[in-house]
């Protein structure tokens, strides 16, 4: 068994298909299938079941990957041997939405990295949730609580939400900024429905687009407090505080919970969220 073989097992588990694992590892799909077949033959146990077009890991596969996680942690520890930097040393990958990374983490990142020269932060951002797996991120910040997963989850806090509308639109109806159907359950979408603003002609999960449209004074929409910027002081806009807030959750890979660099980074993330406005 070699490291490349273990990476194939992990990639198929995370992506659910040979094609997804092929794209991620940048190797041919037939190679993925052939090598996985050899791995299963060598181990003498099945690693995946085909269910509804996806490859679902068996209990044998999960057992293998538990060991792989420990191996990855040991490899990282070996890489740190000989480092001359004081304090914890490590490279932490943080998955979050663009807005969280840009407006909550980035403003405090330089001071944190300056105080801890042995640490490196890699921001993995997307308008939606970045896939959180052992192989793609070490920590993740989510605005929706995951139902389950092989990680430790804790609540970071609550984010206030504001509905913005132009005070004097000058006739006609402003453009309604709505959300994709899969986000129907979030407080923002529920508020728009309660206001009977269901005729959304701009649909996006990217808060920067919503903010830009609101800034034009020709649209209505909901933004989290950290994305409001100067909108709350714009006298051409009316801001209404929503009765519900968005919970924010921190996900941490189980095998990193006791890692000094990870624990330090977790505390820094919590500090970033403590700086949100309070009642």
Protein backbone atom coordinates (compact mmCIF):
# COMPACT_ATOMS: atom_id res chain seq x y z
CA UNK A 1 0.00 0.00 0.00
CA UNK A 2 1.38 3.41 -0.94
CA UNK A 3 0.30 6.99 -0.38
CA UNK A 4 -1.02 7.45 -3.92
CA UNK A 5 -3.31 4.44 -3.44
CA UNK A 6 -4.63 5.90 -0.20
CA UNK A 7 -5.28 9.22 -1.93
CA UNK A 8 -7.43 7.40 -4.51
CA UNK A 9 -9.52 5.77 -1.79
CA UNK A 10 -10.03 9.16 -0.11
CA UNK A 11 -10.87 10.93 -3.37
CA UNK A 12 -13.51 8.38 -4.34
CA UNK A 13 -15.00 8.59 -0.84
CA UNK A 14 -15.14 12.39 -0.94
CA UNK A 15 -16.33 12.81 -4.54
CA UNK A 16 -18.63 9.81 -4.75
CA UNK A 17 -17.65 8.88 -8.31
CA UNK A 18 -14.62 7.71 -10.23
CA UNK A 19 -15.06 10.73 -12.52
CA UNK A 20 -14.96 13.15 -9.58
CA UNK A 21 -11.90 11.45 -8.12
CA UNK A 22 -10.26 11.53 -11.55
CA UNK A 23 -10.80 15.28 -11.90
CA UNK A 24 -9.55 15.96 -8.41
CA UNK A 25 -6.40 13.85 -8.69
CA UNK A 26 -5.85 14.72 -12.37
CA UNK A 27 -5.50 11.12 -13.46
CA UNK A 28 -7.50 9.12 -15.98
CA UNK A 29 -10.88 7.78 -14.80
CA UNK A 30 -10.06 4.26 -15.99
CA UNK A 31 -6.85 4.42 -13.96
CA UNK A 32 -8.87 5.28 -10.86
CA UNK A 33 -11.14 2.26 -11.41
CA UNK A 34 -8.28 -0.12 -12.20
CA UNK A 35 -6.16 0.91 -9.21
CA UNK A 36 -9.11 0.82 -6.83
CA UNK A 37 -9.96 -2.69 -8.04
CA UNK A 38 -6.36 -3.75 -7.34
CA UNK A 39 -6.43 -2.15 -3.88
CA UNK A 40 -9.63 -4.00 -2.96
CA UNK A 41 -8.19 -7.25 -4.30
CA UNK A 42 -5.01 -6.80 -2.26
CA UNK A 43 -6.95 -5.95 0.91
CA UNK A 44 -9.48 -8.70 0.37
CA UNK A 45 -12.44 -6.51 1.37
CA UNK A 46 -14.86 -4.27 -0.55
CA UNK A 47 -14.30 -0.55 -0.06
CA UNK A 48 -17.31 0.87 -1.89
CA UNK A 49 -20.88 -0.05 -2.73
CA UNK A 50 -22.64 1.37 -5.79
CA UNK A 51 -25.81 3.13 -4.59
CA UNK A 52 -27.94 5.33 -6.87
CA UNK A 53 -25.04 6.04 -9.18
CA UNK A 54 -22.64 6.96 -6.38
CA UNK A 55 -19.83 5.09 -4.62
CA UNK A 56 -20.69 4.74 -0.94
CA UNK A 57 -17.86 3.77 1.44
CA UNK A 58 -18.21 0.50 3.30
CA UNK A 59 -17.27 0.09 6.95
CA UNK A 60 -13.95 -1.34 5.76
CA UNK A 61 -13.30 1.85 3.79
CA UNK A 62 -14.07 4.08 6.77
CA UNK A 63 -11.70 1.98 8.90
CA UNK A 64 -8.93 2.39 6.31
CA UNK A 65 -9.44 6.15 6.16
CA UNK A 66 -9.31 6.50 9.93
CA UNK A 67 -5.74 5.22 9.71
CA UNK A 68 -5.07 7.49 6.73
CA UNK A 69 -6.10 10.50 8.79
CA UNK A 70 -3.65 9.58 11.50
CA UNK A 71 -0.94 9.09 8.88
CA UNK A 72 -1.64 12.53 7.43
CA UNK A 73 -1.25 14.08 10.86
CA UNK A 74 2.06 12.28 11.36
CA UNK A 75 3.30 13.43 7.95
CA UNK A 76 2.48 17.02 8.89
CA UNK A 77 4.34 16.58 12.18
CA UNK A 78 7.40 15.23 10.36
CA UNK A 79 7.33 18.25 8.04
CA UNK A 80 7.52 20.51 11.09
CA UNK A 81 10.64 18.86 12.52
CA UNK A 82 13.54 21.24 12.36
CA UNK A 83 11.37 24.33 12.01
CA UNK A 84 13.03 27.24 13.77
CA UNK A 85 9.90 29.34 14.17
CA UNK A 86 8.79 29.92 17.76
CA UNK A 87 5.39 28.67 18.83
CA UNK A 88 3.05 26.34 16.94
CA UNK A 89 3.88 25.60 13.32
CA UNK A 90 1.41 24.53 10.66
CA UNK A 91 -0.63 25.30 7.57
CA UNK A 92 -4.36 25.50 8.21
CA UNK A 93 -6.95 25.43 5.43
CA UNK A 94 -10.11 27.36 6.32
CA UNK A 95 -13.22 26.88 4.18
CA UNK A 96 -15.88 29.60 4.24
CA UNK A 97 -18.05 31.76 2.06
CA UNK A 98 -16.42 34.70 0.29
CA UNK A 99 -18.15 37.22 2.54
CA UNK A 100 -17.03 35.58 5.80
CA UNK A 101 -13.42 35.36 4.62
CA UNK A 102 -13.29 38.90 3.22
CA UNK A 103 -15.21 40.76 5.90
CA UNK A 104 -14.68 38.82 9.13
CA UNK A 105 -11.41 36.90 8.84
CA UNK A 106 -9.18 38.91 6.49
CA UNK A 107 -9.29 42.18 8.51
CA UNK A 108 -7.71 40.35 11.47
CA UNK A 109 -5.47 37.91 9.59
CA UNK A 110 -2.32 40.03 9.35
CA UNK A 111 -2.13 40.70 13.07
CA UNK A 112 -2.68 37.01 13.83
CA UNK A 113 -0.01 35.86 11.36
CA UNK A 114 2.43 38.50 12.57
CA UNK A 115 2.02 37.29 16.16
CA UNK A 116 2.45 33.64 15.11
CA UNK A 117 5.20 33.43 12.46
CA UNK A 118 5.05 29.63 12.32
CA UNK A 119 1.48 29.57 11.00
CA UNK A 120 0.15 29.83 7.46
CA UNK A 121 -3.54 30.25 6.62
CA UNK A 122 -5.03 29.08 3.35
CA UNK A 123 -8.49 30.51 2.65
CA UNK A 124 -10.78 28.28 0.59
CA UNK A 125 -13.68 30.46 -0.48
CA UNK A 126 -16.87 30.15 -2.47
CA UNK A 127 -20.23 31.89 -2.65
CA UNK A 128 -21.67 28.63 -1.33
CA UNK A 129 -20.29 26.08 1.10
CA UNK A 130 -16.87 24.71 0.23
CA UNK A 131 -16.93 20.92 0.47
CA UNK A 132 -15.54 20.01 3.87
CA UNK A 133 -13.52 16.83 3.83
CA UNK A 134 -10.31 15.65 5.41
CA UNK A 135 -8.57 16.26 2.12
CA UNK A 136 -9.88 19.71 1.26
CA UNK A 137 -10.09 21.73 4.50
CA UNK A 138 -9.03 21.59 8.13
CA UNK A 139 -11.62 24.02 9.47
CA UNK A 140 -14.87 25.26 7.96
CA UNK A 141 -17.25 28.05 8.85
CA UNK A 142 -20.86 27.33 7.95
CA UNK A 143 -24.02 29.42 8.09
CA UNK A 144 -26.11 26.25 8.20
CA UNK A 145 -25.65 23.47 10.72
CA UNK A 146 -24.61 20.20 9.05
CA UNK A 147 -26.85 17.27 9.89
CA UNK A 148 -23.95 14.89 10.45
CA UNK A 149 -20.33 14.28 9.58
CA UNK A 150 -17.00 13.01 10.82
CA UNK A 151 -15.95 16.27 12.47
CA UNK A 152 -16.38 18.33 15.62
CA UNK A 153 -18.96 21.12 15.38
CA UNK A 154 -19.53 24.08 17.69
CA UNK A 155 -21.52 27.27 17.48
CA UNK A 156 -19.52 30.43 16.73
CA UNK A 157 -22.33 32.88 17.25
CA UNK A 158 -25.30 34.52 15.62
CA UNK A 159 -25.32 37.02 12.76
CA UNK A 160 -27.88 39.79 12.59
CA UNK A 161 -29.69 40.30 9.29
CA UNK A 162 -31.01 43.51 7.72
CA UNK A 163 -33.60 44.10 5.04
CA UNK A 164 -32.80 47.11 2.86
CA UNK A 165 -35.17 49.07 0.63
CA UNK A 166 -34.88 52.46 -1.07
CA UNK A 167 -36.83 55.20 0.69
CA UNK A 168 -37.71 57.03 -2.53
CA UNK A 169 -37.57 54.74 -5.52
CA UNK A 170 -39.14 57.23 -7.89
CA UNK A 171 -41.98 55.12 -9.27
CA UNK A 172 -42.38 51.53 -10.25
CA UNK A 173 -41.19 48.63 -8.14
CA UNK A 174 -37.60 47.98 -7.01
CA UNK A 175 -35.90 44.77 -8.06
CA UNK A 176 -36.25 41.99 -5.49
CA UNK A 177 -33.01 40.12 -4.72
CA UNK A 178 -33.98 36.56 -3.86
CA UNK A 179 -32.23 33.26 -3.19
CA UNK A 180 -31.95 29.92 -5.00
CA UNK A 181 -34.64 27.34 -4.18
CA UNK A 182 -32.24 25.24 -2.10
CA UNK A 183 -31.98 28.16 0.38
CA UNK A 184 -35.72 28.42 1.02
CA UNK A 185 -35.28 27.53 4.69
CA UNK A 186 -32.85 30.32 5.63
CA UNK A 187 -34.21 33.29 7.63
CA UNK A 188 -33.49 35.70 4.75
CA UNK A 189 -35.72 33.79 2.32
CA UNK A 190 -38.43 33.30 4.93
CA UNK A 191 -38.52 37.03 5.62
CA UNK A 192 -38.93 37.86 1.95
CA UNK A 193 -41.83 35.42 1.73
CA UNK A 194 -43.44 36.97 4.82
CA UNK A 195 -43.19 40.36 3.11
CA UNK A 196 -44.75 38.80 -0.02
CA UNK A 197 -41.60 39.63 -1.98
CA UNK A 198 -41.60 36.39 -3.93
CA UNK A 199 -41.24 37.88 -7.42
CA UNK A 200 -37.46 37.86 -7.28
CA UNK A 201 -35.92 38.94 -10.57
CA UNK A 202 -32.39 38.65 -9.26
CA UNK A 203 -31.55 35.24 -7.77
CA UNK A 204 -28.15 34.61 -6.17
CA UNK A 205 -26.41 33.23 -3.08
CA UNK A 206 -23.61 35.80 -3.45
CA UNK A 207 -24.06 38.60 -0.91
CA UNK A 208 -21.70 40.90 -2.82
CA UNK A 209 -24.11 40.92 -5.75
CA UNK A 210 -27.02 41.70 -3.43
CA UNK A 211 -25.07 44.50 -1.73
CA UNK A 212 -24.09 46.09 -5.04
CA UNK A 213 -27.70 46.05 -6.23
CA UNK A 214 -28.93 47.57 -2.96
CA UNK A 215 -26.30 50.29 -3.26
CA UNK A 216 -27.87 51.31 -6.57
CA UNK A 217 -31.02 52.34 -4.64
CA UNK A 218 -33.06 50.32 -7.12
CA UNK A 219 -33.32 46.98 -5.31
CA UNK A 220 -34.47 45.39 -2.07
CA UNK A 221 -32.74 42.52 -0.32
CA UNK A 222 -31.40 41.02 2.89
CA UNK A 223 -27.77 41.12 4.02
CA UNK A 224 -25.86 39.78 7.03
CA UNK A 225 -24.52 42.52 9.28
CA UNK A 226 -20.89 41.92 8.30
CA UNK A 227 -21.78 42.63 4.65
CA UNK A 228 -23.73 45.83 5.23
CA UNK A 229 -20.72 48.14 5.06
CA UNK A 230 -21.90 51.76 4.79
CA UNK A 231 -25.46 50.80 3.89
CA UNK A 232 -26.71 51.27 7.46
CA UNK A 233 -25.69 54.95 7.34
CA UNK A 234 -27.08 55.53 3.83
CA UNK A 235 -29.98 57.95 4.32
CA UNK A 236 -31.48 56.93 0.99
CA UNK A 237 -32.09 53.43 2.32
CA UNK A 238 -34.39 52.06 5.00
CA UNK A 239 -32.85 49.23 7.05
CA UNK A 240 -35.07 46.82 8.99
CA UNK A 241 -33.54 44.41 11.51
CA UNK A 242 -34.93 40.92 10.98
CA UNK A 243 -36.41 39.17 14.02
CA UNK A 244 -34.36 36.02 13.33
CA UNK A 245 -30.60 35.65 13.06
CA UNK A 246 -28.33 33.24 11.23
CA UNK A 247 -26.41 30.78 13.37
CA UNK A 248 -22.74 30.37 12.48
CA UNK A 249 -21.01 27.03 13.01
CA UNK A 250 -17.37 26.00 13.19
CA UNK A 251 -16.36 22.57 11.89
CA UNK A 252 -13.00 21.05 12.84
CA UNK A 253 -11.48 17.81 11.61
CA UNK A 254 -11.45 15.34 14.51
CA UNK A 255 -7.82 14.36 14.06
CA UNK A 256 -6.74 18.01 14.50
CA UNK A 257 -8.66 18.84 17.69
CA UNK A 258 -5.59 18.58 19.91
CA UNK A 259 -3.10 20.05 17.44
CA UNK A 260 -1.58 23.24 18.97
CA UNK A 261 -1.66 25.18 15.68
CA UNK A 262 -5.29 24.22 15.11
CA UNK A 263 -6.33 25.16 18.64
CA UNK A 264 -4.65 28.54 18.25
CA UNK A 265 -6.41 29.13 14.93
CA UNK A 266 -9.78 28.11 16.37
CA UNK A 267 -9.41 30.72 19.12
CA UNK A 268 -8.52 33.34 16.51
CA UNK A 269 -11.62 32.50 14.46
CA UNK A 270 -13.76 32.84 17.57
CA UNK A 271 -12.14 36.21 18.24
CA UNK A 272 -13.06 37.38 14.72
CA UNK A 273 -16.70 36.56 15.38
CA UNK A 274 -16.70 38.14 18.83
CA UNK A 275 -16.03 41.44 17.07
CA UNK A 276 -19.47 41.37 15.42
CA UNK A 277 -21.82 44.08 16.67
CA UNK A 278 -23.81 43.22 19.77
CA UNK A 279 -27.11 44.42 21.09
